[in-house]
Amino acid sequence: MKKPPVSKAVYGVVKLGYYELVMPYDDAIALITSLKTAEKYVDNYNEITKIGPCKDFKVTINILSYEEYIQYKANNLLLEDTSNEESPRTND
């Protein structure tokens, strides 16, 4: 995979199943590369545990700019400050 030209840090958003992980671009590429030998581990209740190929496994990567990363981090910090506050109660 070819690395995009950048002037500042670039982040990769790796989607694994239901999770989206943000990390430096080089780490995202390393993570995806490490999955090339991965196998699927299946341990369902009342079934025999097995390991087999990852036929239905989907991984995607998107690029996140440094500016987007900072904006989204700031959004998280701003929302964290207000999410712990209780709504004001009024007496009617």
N, C-alpha and C. Protein backbone atom coordinates (compact mmCIF):
# COMPACT_ATOMS: atom_id res chain seq x y z
N MET A 1 0.85 -1.18 0.00
CA MET A 1 0.00 0.00 0.00
C MET A 1 0.89 1.24 0.00
N LYS A 2 0.56 2.18 -0.85
CA LYS A 2 1.38 3.38 -0.98
C LYS A 2 0.98 4.43 0.05
N LYS A 3 1.97 5.02 0.70
CA LYS A 3 1.72 6.04 1.71
C LYS A 3 1.40 7.38 1.04
N PRO A 4 0.33 8.06 1.51
CA PRO A 4 -0.02 9.34 0.88
C PRO A 4 0.97 10.43 1.23
N PRO A 5 1.18 11.40 0.34
CA PRO A 5 2.07 12.51 0.66
C PRO A 5 1.41 13.41 1.70
N VAL A 6 2.16 13.77 2.73
CA VAL A 6 1.59 14.57 3.81
C VAL A 6 2.58 15.61 4.30
N SER A 7 2.03 16.68 4.88
CA SER A 7 2.89 17.68 5.48
C SER A 7 2.87 17.54 7.00
N LYS A 8 1.78 16.99 7.53
CA LYS A 8 1.65 16.75 8.97
C LYS A 8 1.25 15.31 9.18
N ALA A 9 1.10 14.93 10.43
CA ALA A 9 0.71 13.57 10.75
C ALA A 9 -0.62 13.22 10.12
N VAL A 10 -0.71 11.99 9.64
CA VAL A 10 -1.94 11.46 9.08
C VAL A 10 -2.32 10.25 9.91
N TYR A 11 -3.59 10.09 10.12
CA TYR A 11 -4.09 8.98 10.91
C TYR A 11 -4.87 8.03 10.02
N GLY A 12 -4.89 6.78 10.42
CA GLY A 12 -5.69 5.78 9.73
C GLY A 12 -6.84 5.39 10.62
N VAL A 13 -8.00 5.23 10.03
CA VAL A 13 -9.17 4.72 10.73
C VAL A 13 -9.40 3.31 10.20
N VAL A 14 -9.14 2.32 11.04
CA VAL A 14 -9.27 0.93 10.65
C VAL A 14 -10.58 0.40 11.20
N LYS A 15 -11.40 -0.13 10.32
CA LYS A 15 -12.68 -0.70 10.76
C LYS A 15 -12.54 -2.21 10.77
N LEU A 16 -12.72 -2.78 11.96
CA LEU A 16 -12.69 -4.23 12.16
C LEU A 16 -14.04 -4.62 12.74
N GLY A 17 -14.89 -5.18 11.93
CA GLY A 17 -16.22 -5.54 12.42
C GLY A 17 -16.99 -4.29 12.82
N TYR A 18 -17.41 -4.25 14.07
CA TYR A 18 -18.19 -3.11 14.57
C TYR A 18 -17.31 -1.99 15.13
N TYR A 19 -16.01 -2.21 15.21
CA TYR A 19 -15.12 -1.24 15.83
C TYR A 19 -14.36 -0.42 14.78
N GLU A 20 -14.18 0.85 15.09
CA GLU A 20 -13.33 1.71 14.27
C GLU A 20 -12.22 2.23 15.17
N LEU A 21 -11.00 1.93 14.81
CA LEU A 21 -9.84 2.29 15.61
C LEU A 21 -9.05 3.37 14.90
N VAL A 22 -8.65 4.40 15.64
CA VAL A 22 -7.85 5.49 15.08
C VAL A 22 -6.43 5.35 15.59
N MET A 23 -5.48 5.46 14.66
CA MET A 23 -4.07 5.34 15.04
C MET A 23 -3.23 6.01 13.96
N PRO A 24 -1.96 6.26 14.25
CA PRO A 24 -1.10 6.81 13.20
C PRO A 24 -1.15 5.92 11.96
N TYR A 25 -1.05 6.54 10.80
CA TYR A 25 -1.20 5.83 9.52
C TYR A 25 -0.27 4.63 9.42
N ASP A 26 0.99 4.78 9.79
CA ASP A 26 1.94 3.67 9.69
C ASP A 26 1.52 2.49 10.58
N ASP A 27 0.97 2.78 11.75
CA ASP A 27 0.49 1.73 12.63
C ASP A 27 -0.73 1.03 12.04
N ALA A 28 -1.60 1.80 11.38
CA ALA A 28 -2.78 1.22 10.74
C ALA A 28 -2.36 0.25 9.64
N ILE A 29 -1.38 0.64 8.84
CA ILE A 29 -0.88 -0.24 7.79
C ILE A 29 -0.25 -1.49 8.39
N ALA A 30 0.50 -1.33 9.47
CA ALA A 30 1.13 -2.48 10.13
C ALA A 30 0.07 -3.42 10.68
N LEU A 31 -1.00 -2.88 11.25
CA LEU A 31 -2.08 -3.71 11.78
C LEU A 31 -2.73 -4.53 10.67
N ILE A 32 -3.06 -3.87 9.58
CA ILE A 32 -3.69 -4.58 8.46
C ILE A 32 -2.74 -5.62 7.88
N THR A 33 -1.48 -5.28 7.76
CA THR A 33 -0.49 -6.21 7.24
C THR A 33 -0.38 -7.44 8.14
N SER A 34 -0.45 -7.23 9.44
CA SER A 34 -0.33 -8.35 10.37
C SER A 34 -1.51 -9.31 10.29
N LEU A 35 -2.62 -8.87 9.73
CA LEU A 35 -3.81 -9.71 9.63
C LEU A 35 -3.74 -10.71 8.47
N LYS A 36 -2.72 -10.61 7.63
CA LYS A 36 -2.65 -11.50 6.46
C LYS A 36 -2.53 -12.97 6.85
N THR A 37 -2.04 -13.27 8.05
CA THR A 37 -1.93 -14.66 8.49
C THR A 37 -3.00 -15.01 9.53
N ALA A 38 -3.94 -14.10 9.76
CA ALA A 38 -4.96 -14.33 10.79
C ALA A 38 -5.95 -15.42 10.36
N GLU A 39 -6.42 -16.15 11.35
CA GLU A 39 -7.46 -17.14 11.13
C GLU A 39 -8.62 -16.83 12.08
N LYS A 40 -9.77 -17.34 11.75
CA LYS A 40 -10.97 -17.08 12.54
C LYS A 40 -11.09 -18.10 13.67
N TYR A 41 -11.27 -17.59 14.90
CA TYR A 41 -11.45 -18.41 16.09
C TYR A 41 -12.94 -18.40 16.42
N VAL A 42 -13.55 -19.58 16.46
CA VAL A 42 -14.99 -19.67 16.71
C VAL A 42 -15.21 -20.48 17.98
N ASP A 43 -15.85 -19.85 18.96
CA ASP A 43 -16.13 -20.50 20.24
C ASP A 43 -17.58 -20.19 20.62
N ASN A 44 -18.50 -20.83 19.96
CA ASN A 44 -19.92 -20.62 20.23
C ASN A 44 -20.40 -21.55 21.33
N TYR A 45 -21.36 -21.09 22.07
CA TYR A 45 -21.95 -21.87 23.16
C TYR A 45 -22.51 -23.19 22.63
N ASN A 46 -22.22 -24.27 23.32
CA ASN A 46 -22.69 -25.62 22.98
C ASN A 46 -22.21 -26.12 21.63
N GLU A 47 -21.10 -25.60 21.14
CA GLU A 47 -20.52 -26.09 19.89
C GLU A 47 -19.04 -26.37 20.10
N ILE A 48 -18.49 -27.14 19.22
CA ILE A 48 -17.06 -27.44 19.28
C ILE A 48 -16.28 -26.20 18.85
N THR A 49 -15.27 -25.83 19.63
CA THR A 49 -14.41 -24.70 19.29
C THR A 49 -13.55 -25.06 18.09
N LYS A 50 -13.43 -24.12 17.16
CA LYS A 50 -12.66 -24.40 15.95
C LYS A 50 -11.93 -23.16 15.45
N ILE A 51 -10.92 -23.40 14.62
CA ILE A 51 -10.15 -22.34 13.98
C ILE A 51 -10.17 -22.63 12.48
N GLY A 52 -10.47 -21.59 11.71
CA GLY A 52 -10.54 -21.79 10.27
C GLY A 52 -10.25 -20.50 9.52
N PRO A 53 -10.44 -20.53 8.21
CA PRO A 53 -10.14 -19.35 7.39
C PRO A 53 -11.10 -18.19 7.65
N CYS A 54 -10.63 -17.00 7.36
CA CYS A 54 -11.44 -15.78 7.54
C CYS A 54 -12.11 -15.43 6.21
N LYS A 55 -13.06 -16.23 5.80
CA LYS A 55 -13.72 -16.01 4.51
C LYS A 55 -14.59 -14.76 4.51
N ASP A 56 -15.29 -14.51 5.60
CA ASP A 56 -16.24 -13.40 5.64
C ASP A 56 -15.72 -12.19 6.43
N PHE A 57 -14.43 -12.12 6.61
CA PHE A 57 -13.82 -11.06 7.41
C PHE A 57 -13.55 -9.85 6.54
N LYS A 58 -14.00 -8.69 6.98
CA LYS A 58 -13.83 -7.46 6.20
C LYS A 58 -13.09 -6.42 7.03
N VAL A 59 -12.05 -5.85 6.46
CA VAL A 59 -11.28 -4.79 7.10
C VAL A 59 -11.20 -3.62 6.12
N THR A 60 -11.45 -2.42 6.63
CA THR A 60 -11.31 -1.24 5.77
C THR A 60 -10.43 -0.22 6.49
N ILE A 61 -9.79 0.63 5.69
CA ILE A 61 -8.98 1.70 6.24
C ILE A 61 -9.32 3.00 5.51
N ASN A 62 -9.47 4.04 6.28
CA ASN A 62 -9.70 5.38 5.74
C ASN A 62 -8.64 6.31 6.31
N ILE A 63 -8.37 7.36 5.59
CA ILE A 63 -7.37 8.33 6.04
C ILE A 63 -8.07 9.47 6.75
N LEU A 64 -7.47 9.89 7.85
CA LEU A 64 -7.97 11.01 8.65
C LEU A 64 -6.85 12.03 8.73
N SER A 65 -7.12 13.25 8.33
CA SER A 65 -6.07 14.28 8.36
C SER A 65 -5.78 14.70 9.81
N TYR A 66 -4.67 15.34 9.98
CA TYR A 66 -4.29 15.85 11.29
C TYR A 66 -5.34 16.84 11.80
N GLU A 67 -5.82 17.70 10.91
CA GLU A 67 -6.81 18.70 11.29
C GLU A 67 -8.12 18.04 11.74
N GLU A 68 -8.55 17.01 11.01
CA GLU A 68 -9.76 16.28 11.40
C GLU A 68 -9.57 15.59 12.75
N TYR A 69 -8.40 14.99 12.93
CA TYR A 69 -8.10 14.31 14.19
C TYR A 69 -8.22 15.28 15.37
N ILE A 70 -7.61 16.45 15.24
CA ILE A 70 -7.66 17.45 16.31
C ILE A 70 -9.09 17.91 16.55
N GLN A 71 -9.84 18.15 15.48
CA GLN A 71 -11.23 18.60 15.61
C GLN A 71 -12.07 17.55 16.34
N TYR A 72 -11.93 16.29 15.96
CA TYR A 72 -12.73 15.23 16.58
C TYR A 72 -12.32 15.00 18.03
N LYS A 73 -11.04 15.14 18.31
CA LYS A 73 -10.59 15.02 19.71
C LYS A 73 -11.18 16.15 20.54
N ALA A 74 -11.18 17.37 19.99
CA ALA A 74 -11.76 18.52 20.69
C ALA A 74 -13.25 18.31 20.92
N ASN A 75 -13.95 17.79 19.90
CA ASN A 75 -15.38 17.49 20.05
C ASN A 75 -15.62 16.54 21.21
N ASN A 76 -14.77 15.52 21.31
CA ASN A 76 -14.91 14.55 22.38
C ASN A 76 -14.71 15.20 23.75
N LEU A 77 -13.71 16.04 23.86
CA LEU A 77 -13.45 16.72 25.13
C LEU A 77 -14.61 17.65 25.50
N LEU A 78 -15.14 18.36 24.53
CA LEU A 78 -16.26 19.26 24.80
C LEU A 78 -17.50 18.48 25.21
N LEU A 79 -17.76 17.37 24.56
CA LEU A 79 -18.93 16.57 24.90
C LEU A 79 -18.78 15.86 26.23
N GLU A 80 -17.55 15.46 26.57
CA GLU A 80 -17.33 14.82 27.87
C GLU A 80 -17.65 15.77 29.01
N ASP A 81 -17.31 17.05 28.86
CA ASP A 81 -17.56 18.02 29.92
C ASP A 81 -19.05 18.19 30.18
N THR A 82 -19.88 18.13 29.15
CA THR A 82 -21.30 18.35 29.33
C THR A 82 -22.07 17.07 29.59
N SER A 83 -21.52 15.92 29.23
CA SER A 83 -22.27 14.67 29.38
C SER A 83 -22.39 14.24 30.84
N ASN A 84 -21.50 14.70 31.69
CA ASN A 84 -21.54 14.32 33.11
C ASN A 84 -22.39 15.27 33.95
N GLU A 85 -22.82 16.36 33.36
CA GLU A 85 -23.64 17.30 34.11
C GLU A 85 -25.09 16.85 34.12
N GLU A 86 -25.76 17.07 35.26
CA GLU A 86 -27.17 16.73 35.33
C GLU A 86 -27.99 17.88 34.77
N SER A 87 -29.14 17.52 34.25
CA SER A 87 -30.03 18.54 33.74
C SER A 87 -30.57 19.34 34.93
N PRO A 88 -30.70 20.67 34.76
CA PRO A 88 -31.24 21.46 35.86
C PRO A 88 -32.70 21.09 36.12
N ARG A 89 -33.06 21.00 37.38
CA ARG A 89 -34.43 20.67 37.74
C ARG A 89 -35.19 21.94 38.06
N THR A 90 -36.40 21.96 37.62
CA THR A 90 -37.24 23.11 37.94
C THR A 90 -38.43 22.66 38.77
N ASN A 91 -38.84 23.48 39.65
CA ASN A 91 -40.02 23.21 40.48
C ASN A 91 -41.21 23.92 39.87
N ASP A 92 -42.18 23.17 39.45
CA ASP A 92 -43.38 23.77 38.86
C ASP A 92 -44.48 23.88 39.90
